[in-house]
Amino acid sequence: MNTRRRGEELEEAILQTAWEELVNVGYQSFTIEEVAIKAKTSKPVIYRRWANREELVLAAIQKNMPKPVGDIPDTGDIRSDVIIVMKRLNDTLSKIGAETLHGLMSVLVDIPFSEILNMRRTNTMETIIKRAIGRGEIKEEKISERIVKLPIDLIRHEFLTTYEPVTEKTISEIVDDVFLPLIK
């Protein structure tokens, strides 16, 4: 009986093994050779699907990255909604790790950071802001594209510069001391 995996089944096994290897040894020690051994396949099989280590790491992250929990928050309060989104992002970044993100960014220089993680957080922020405008919490004329992106950009910056998960205190400071004063 032939138990050789092919197609989607093989790709799934490789991506799962790559994710586990990334979590266990980190980006710097991650090798295609080790993934091939642990996935019970060969390096040529992996290289037929992904041209290099970075493409495999990126595919493993995108496949295994925690999905956003629930829908776009709608608590009736912009502060609460933004904090929920920022905590979710912080959890996602923490699972991937700063070392991995820095490694990918240093190699995948033509891909914006948000695309590396296949993030759709800007649309989330736009929705939260539109709802807050509709409730009369904030004024539409104070909103720019930069302001919409600001909370997410600041949490990514904090994470990437400190190599640590962002504290709840820092998240509150970003929202209360930087973001909200700009939009109210």
C-alpha atoms as a PDB file:
ATOM      1  CA  MET A   1       0.000   0.000   0.000  1.00  0.00           C
ATOM      2  CA  ASN A   2       1.396   3.397  -1.014  1.00  0.00           C
ATOM      3  CA  THR A   3       1.273   5.902   1.862  1.00  0.00           C
ATOM      4  CA  ARG A   4       3.114   8.606   0.000  1.00  0.00           C
ATOM      5  CA  ARG A   5       1.541  12.002   0.576  1.00  0.00           C
ATOM      6  CA  ARG A   6       0.877  14.291  -2.340  1.00  0.00           C
ATOM      7  CA  GLY A   7      -0.649  17.643  -3.159  1.00  0.00           C
ATOM      8  CA  GLU A   8      -2.550  19.383  -0.404  1.00  0.00           C
ATOM      9  CA  GLU A   9      -1.864  16.701   2.195  1.00  0.00           C
ATOM     10  CA  LEU A  10       1.890  16.960   1.664  1.00  0.00           C
ATOM     11  CA  GLU A  11       1.836  20.751   1.580  1.00  0.00           C
ATOM     12  CA  GLU A  12      -0.180  20.839   4.822  1.00  0.00           C
ATOM     13  CA  ALA A  13       2.330  18.520   6.514  1.00  0.00           C
ATOM     14  CA  ILE A  14       5.283  20.631   5.370  1.00  0.00           C
ATOM     15  CA  LEU A  15       3.680  23.905   6.481  1.00  0.00           C
ATOM     16  CA  GLN A  16       2.699  22.462   9.865  1.00  0.00           C
ATOM     17  CA  THR A  17       6.209  21.094  10.387  1.00  0.00           C
ATOM     18  CA  ALA A  18       7.739  24.407   9.296  1.00  0.00           C
ATOM     19  CA  TRP A  19       5.513  26.293  11.765  1.00  0.00           C
ATOM     20  CA  GLU A  20       6.450  23.935  14.614  1.00  0.00           C
ATOM     21  CA  GLU A  21      10.122  24.232  13.749  1.00  0.00           C
ATOM     22  CA  LEU A  22       9.884  28.014  13.630  1.00  0.00           C
ATOM     23  CA  VAL A  23       8.183  28.123  17.038  1.00  0.00           C
ATOM     24  CA  ASN A  24      10.642  25.636  18.573  1.00  0.00           C
ATOM     25  CA  VAL A  25      13.994  26.827  17.218  1.00  0.00           C
ATOM     26  CA  GLY A  26      13.338  30.358  15.943  1.00  0.00           C
ATOM     27  CA  TYR A  27      14.031  31.983  12.634  1.00  0.00           C
ATOM     28  CA  GLN A  28      17.839  32.019  12.891  1.00  0.00           C
ATOM     29  CA  SER A  29      18.072  28.247  13.427  1.00  0.00           C
ATOM     30  CA  PHE A  30      15.278  27.332  11.016  1.00  0.00           C
ATOM     31  CA  THR A  31      16.468  25.143   8.126  1.00  0.00           C
ATOM     32  CA  ILE A  32      14.737  23.530   5.181  1.00  0.00           C
ATOM     33  CA  GLU A  33      16.795  20.394   5.788  1.00  0.00           C
ATOM     34  CA  GLU A  34      15.357  19.986   9.286  1.00  0.00           C
ATOM     35  CA  VAL A  35      11.810  20.636   8.047  1.00  0.00           C
ATOM     36  CA  ALA A  36      12.278  17.990   5.341  1.00  0.00           C
ATOM     37  CA  ILE A  37      13.493  15.430   7.881  1.00  0.00           C
ATOM     38  CA  LYS A  38      10.676  16.106  10.352  1.00  0.00           C
ATOM     39  CA  ALA A  39       7.995  16.259   7.623  1.00  0.00           C
ATOM     40  CA  LYS A  40       9.336  12.977   6.223  1.00  0.00           C
ATOM     41  CA  THR A  41       9.939  14.386   2.771  1.00  0.00           C
ATOM     42  CA  SER A  42      12.952  15.684   0.835  1.00  0.00           C
ATOM     43  CA  LYS A  43      14.500  19.086   0.307  1.00  0.00           C
ATOM     44  CA  PRO A  44      13.801  19.006  -3.467  1.00  0.00           C
ATOM     45  CA  VAL A  45      10.102  18.444  -2.757  1.00  0.00           C
ATOM     46  CA  ILE A  46      10.073  21.537  -0.535  1.00  0.00           C
ATOM     47  CA  TYR A  47      12.077  23.624  -3.019  1.00  0.00           C
ATOM     48  CA  ARG A  48       9.599  22.768  -5.781  1.00  0.00           C
ATOM     49  CA  ARG A  49       6.947  24.582  -3.763  1.00  0.00           C
ATOM     50  CA  TRP A  50       8.968  27.356  -2.085  1.00  0.00           C
ATOM     51  CA  ALA A  51      12.073  28.891  -3.651  1.00  0.00           C
ATOM     52  CA  ASN A  52      13.852  29.567  -0.372  1.00  0.00           C
ATOM     53  CA  ARG A  53      13.679  29.451   3.399  1.00  0.00           C
ATOM     54  CA  GLU A  54      11.974  32.839   3.658  1.00  0.00           C
ATOM     55  CA  GLU A  55       9.131  31.857   1.334  1.00  0.00           C
ATOM     56  CA  LEU A  56       8.555  28.686   3.369  1.00  0.00           C
ATOM     57  CA  VAL A  57       8.612  30.622   6.651  1.00  0.00           C
ATOM     58  CA  LEU A  58       6.224  33.213   5.260  1.00  0.00           C
ATOM     59  CA  ALA A  59       3.845  30.513   3.979  1.00  0.00           C
ATOM     60  CA  ALA A  60       3.964  28.725   7.349  1.00  0.00           C
ATOM     61  CA  ILE A  61       3.183  31.966   9.192  1.00  0.00           C
ATOM     62  CA  GLN A  62       0.333  32.872   6.884  1.00  0.00           C
ATOM     63  CA  LYS A  63      -1.128  29.361   7.135  1.00  0.00           C
ATOM     64  CA  ASN A  64      -0.774  29.053  10.896  1.00  0.00           C
ATOM     65  CA  MET A  65      -1.111  32.624  12.057  1.00  0.00           C
ATOM     66  CA  PRO A  66      -3.926  32.920  14.548  1.00  0.00           C
ATOM     67  CA  LYS A  67      -7.032  34.189  12.853  1.00  0.00           C
ATOM     68  CA  PRO A  68      -8.585  37.364  14.200  1.00  0.00           C
ATOM     69  CA  VAL A  69     -10.848  36.442  17.079  1.00  0.00           C
ATOM     70  CA  GLY A  70     -14.444  37.234  16.291  1.00  0.00           C
ATOM     71  CA  ASP A  71     -15.691  40.036  14.162  1.00  0.00           C
ATOM     72  CA  ILE A  72     -14.760  43.674  14.250  1.00  0.00           C
ATOM     73  CA  PRO A  73     -15.424  44.820  17.815  1.00  0.00           C
ATOM     74  CA  ASP A  74     -18.524  46.963  18.290  1.00  0.00           C
ATOM     75  CA  THR A  75     -18.799  47.777  21.984  1.00  0.00           C
ATOM     76  CA  GLY A  76     -20.319  51.203  21.379  1.00  0.00           C
ATOM     77  CA  ASP A  77     -17.104  52.897  22.521  1.00  0.00           C
ATOM     78  CA  ILE A  78     -14.185  53.665  20.206  1.00  0.00           C
ATOM     79  CA  ARG A  79     -11.607  53.332  22.975  1.00  0.00           C
ATOM     80  CA  SER A  80     -12.766  49.817  23.889  1.00  0.00           C
ATOM     81  CA  ASP A  81     -12.955  48.729  20.241  1.00  0.00           C
ATOM     82  CA  VAL A  82      -9.432  49.955  19.437  1.00  0.00           C
ATOM     83  CA  ILE A  83      -7.958  48.338  22.548  1.00  0.00           C
ATOM     84  CA  ILE A  84      -9.558  44.995  21.621  1.00  0.00           C
ATOM     85  CA  VAL A  85      -8.031  45.173  18.127  1.00  0.00           C
ATOM     86  CA  MET A  86      -4.625  46.128  19.496  1.00  0.00           C
ATOM     87  CA  LYS A  87      -4.632  43.267  22.012  1.00  0.00           C
ATOM     88  CA  ARG A  88      -5.496  40.807  19.236  1.00  0.00           C
ATOM     89  CA  LEU A  89      -2.656  42.145  17.092  1.00  0.00           C
ATOM     90  CA  ASN A  90      -0.258  41.980  20.041  1.00  0.00           C
ATOM     91  CA  ASP A  91      -1.197  38.321  20.616  1.00  0.00           C
ATOM     92  CA  THR A  92      -0.586  37.528  16.943  1.00  0.00           C
ATOM     93  CA  LEU A  93       2.781  39.294  16.863  1.00  0.00           C
ATOM     94  CA  SER A  94       3.822  37.568  20.084  1.00  0.00           C
ATOM     95  CA  LYS A  95       3.050  34.122  18.658  1.00  0.00           C
ATOM     96  CA  ILE A  96       5.206  34.803  15.607  1.00  0.00           C
ATOM     97  CA  GLY A  97       8.050  36.508  17.482  1.00  0.00           C
ATOM     98  CA  ALA A  98      10.097  39.611  16.789  1.00  0.00           C
ATOM     99  CA  GLU A  99      13.154  37.636  15.670  1.00  0.00           C
ATOM    100  CA  THR A 100      11.155  35.962  12.905  1.00  0.00           C
ATOM    101  CA  LEU A 101       9.575  39.220  11.782  1.00  0.00           C
ATOM    102  CA  HIS A 102      12.924  41.017  11.686  1.00  0.00           C
ATOM    103  CA  GLY A 103      14.446  38.134   9.730  1.00  0.00           C
ATOM    104  CA  LEU A 104      11.668  38.166   7.161  1.00  0.00           C
ATOM    105  CA  MET A 105      11.711  41.940   6.842  1.00  0.00           C
ATOM    106  CA  SER A 106      15.470  41.916   6.215  1.00  0.00           C
ATOM    107  CA  VAL A 107      15.080  39.506   3.303  1.00  0.00           C
ATOM    108  CA  LEU A 108      11.650  40.339   1.901  1.00  0.00           C
ATOM    109  CA  VAL A 109      12.443  44.027   1.454  1.00  0.00           C
ATOM    110  CA  ASP A 110      10.004  44.509  -1.433  1.00  0.00           C
ATOM    111  CA  ILE A 111       7.004  43.365   0.612  1.00  0.00           C
ATOM    112  CA  PRO A 112       5.372  45.785   3.077  1.00  0.00           C
ATOM    113  CA  PHE A 113       5.203  44.519   6.649  1.00  0.00           C
ATOM    114  CA  SER A 114       1.400  44.379   6.594  1.00  0.00           C
ATOM    115  CA  GLU A 115       1.515  42.101   3.544  1.00  0.00           C
ATOM    116  CA  ILE A 116       4.109  39.820   5.125  1.00  0.00           C
ATOM    117  CA  LEU A 117       1.513  38.955   7.729  1.00  0.00           C
ATOM    118  CA  ASN A 118      -1.409  39.247   5.331  1.00  0.00           C
ATOM    119  CA  MET A 119      -2.991  41.683   7.748  1.00  0.00           C
ATOM    120  CA  ARG A 120      -6.305  43.396   7.119  1.00  0.00           C
ATOM    121  CA  ARG A 121      -6.298  45.523  10.252  1.00  0.00           C
ATOM    122  CA  THR A 122      -6.633  48.870   8.410  1.00  0.00           C
ATOM    123  CA  ASN A 123     -10.127  47.907   7.243  1.00  0.00           C
ATOM    124  CA  THR A 124     -10.939  47.013  10.834  1.00  0.00           C
ATOM    125  CA  MET A 125      -9.803  50.422  12.034  1.00  0.00           C
ATOM    126  CA  GLU A 126     -11.728  52.156   9.235  1.00  0.00           C
ATOM    127  CA  THR A 127     -14.897  50.349  10.296  1.00  0.00           C
ATOM    128  CA  ILE A 128     -14.375  51.205  13.964  1.00  0.00           C
ATOM    129  CA  ILE A 129     -13.797  54.860  13.088  1.00  0.00           C
ATOM    130  CA  LYS A 130     -16.860  55.027  10.808  1.00  0.00           C
ATOM    131  CA  ARG A 131     -18.995  53.582  13.581  1.00  0.00           C
ATOM    132  CA  ALA A 132     -17.598  56.106  16.074  1.00  0.00           C
ATOM    133  CA  ILE A 133     -18.336  58.969  13.649  1.00  0.00           C
ATOM    134  CA  GLY A 134     -21.872  57.643  13.264  1.00  0.00           C
ATOM    135  CA  ARG A 135     -22.306  57.609  17.048  1.00  0.00           C
ATOM    136  CA  GLY A 136     -20.986  61.165  17.283  1.00  0.00           C
ATOM    137  CA  GLU A 137     -17.923  60.150  19.337  1.00  0.00           C
ATOM    138  CA  ILE A 138     -15.443  61.719  16.928  1.00  0.00           C
ATOM    139  CA  LYS A 139     -15.450  64.272  14.125  1.00  0.00           C
ATOM    140  CA  GLU A 140     -14.934  63.056  10.575  1.00  0.00           C
ATOM    141  CA  GLU A 141     -12.801  66.057   9.592  1.00  0.00           C
ATOM    142  CA  LYS A 142     -10.137  64.980  12.108  1.00  0.00           C
ATOM    143  CA  ILE A 143      -9.609  61.619  10.380  1.00  0.00           C
ATOM    144  CA  SER A 144      -6.850  61.017   7.836  1.00  0.00           C
ATOM    145  CA  GLU A 145      -5.399  57.833   6.388  1.00  0.00           C
ATOM    146  CA  ARG A 146      -2.364  58.237   8.671  1.00  0.00           C
ATOM    147  CA  ILE A 147      -4.565  58.550  11.764  1.00  0.00           C
ATOM    148  CA  VAL A 148      -6.530  55.431  10.798  1.00  0.00           C
ATOM    149  CA  LYS A 149      -3.268  53.434  10.623  1.00  0.00           C
ATOM    150  CA  LEU A 150      -1.633  55.048  13.662  1.00  0.00           C
ATOM    151  CA  PRO A 151      -2.633  52.668  16.501  1.00  0.00           C
ATOM    152  CA  ILE A 152      -1.641  49.571  14.507  1.00  0.00           C
ATOM    153  CA  ASP A 153       1.603  51.175  13.310  1.00  0.00           C
ATOM    154  CA  LEU A 154       2.526  52.146  16.865  1.00  0.00           C
ATOM    155  CA  ILE A 155       1.942  48.690  18.315  1.00  0.00           C
ATOM    156  CA  ARG A 156       3.994  47.076  15.520  1.00  0.00           C
ATOM    157  CA  HIS A 157       6.765  49.621  16.076  1.00  0.00           C
ATOM    158  CA  GLU A 158       6.781  48.980  19.822  1.00  0.00           C
ATOM    159  CA  PHE A 159       6.882  45.222  19.332  1.00  0.00           C
ATOM    160  CA  LEU A 160       9.644  45.313  16.732  1.00  0.00           C
ATOM    161  CA  THR A 161      11.841  47.718  18.695  1.00  0.00           C
ATOM    162  CA  THR A 162      11.506  46.078  22.102  1.00  0.00           C
ATOM    163  CA  TYR A 163      11.351  42.411  20.971  1.00  0.00           C
ATOM    164  CA  GLU A 164       8.711  41.965  23.688  1.00  0.00           C
ATOM    165  CA  PRO A 165       4.934  41.685  23.693  1.00  0.00           C
ATOM    166  CA  VAL A 166       3.413  45.113  24.204  1.00  0.00           C
ATOM    167  CA  THR A 167       2.077  45.623  27.721  1.00  0.00           C
ATOM    168  CA  GLU A 168      -1.541  46.507  28.411  1.00  0.00           C
ATOM    169  CA  LYS A 169      -0.264  49.765  29.917  1.00  0.00           C
ATOM    170  CA  THR A 170       1.503  50.658  26.671  1.00  0.00           C
ATOM    171  CA  ILE A 171      -1.578  49.771  24.625  1.00  0.00           C
ATOM    172  CA  SER A 172      -3.660  52.060  26.850  1.00  0.00           C
ATOM    173  CA  GLU A 173      -1.070  54.843  26.510  1.00  0.00           C
ATOM    174  CA  ILE A 174      -1.082  54.551  22.711  1.00  0.00           C
ATOM    175  CA  VAL A 175      -4.867  54.804  22.661  1.00  0.00           C
ATOM    176  CA  ASP A 176      -5.384  57.367  25.454  1.00  0.00           C
ATOM    177  CA  ASP A 177      -2.339  59.612  25.068  1.00  0.00           C
ATOM    178  CA  VAL A 178      -1.738  59.519  21.305  1.00  0.00           C
ATOM    179  CA  PHE A 179      -4.689  58.262  19.257  1.00  0.00           C
ATOM    180  CA  LEU A 180      -7.774  59.601  21.033  1.00  0.00           C
ATOM    181  CA  PRO A 181      -6.440  63.173  21.480  1.00  0.00           C
ATOM    182  CA  LEU A 182      -5.877  63.331  17.706  1.00  0.00           C
ATOM    183  CA  ILE A 183      -9.433  62.365  16.799  1.00  0.00           C
ATOM    184  CA  LYS A 184     -11.563  64.041  19.461  1.00  0.00           C
END
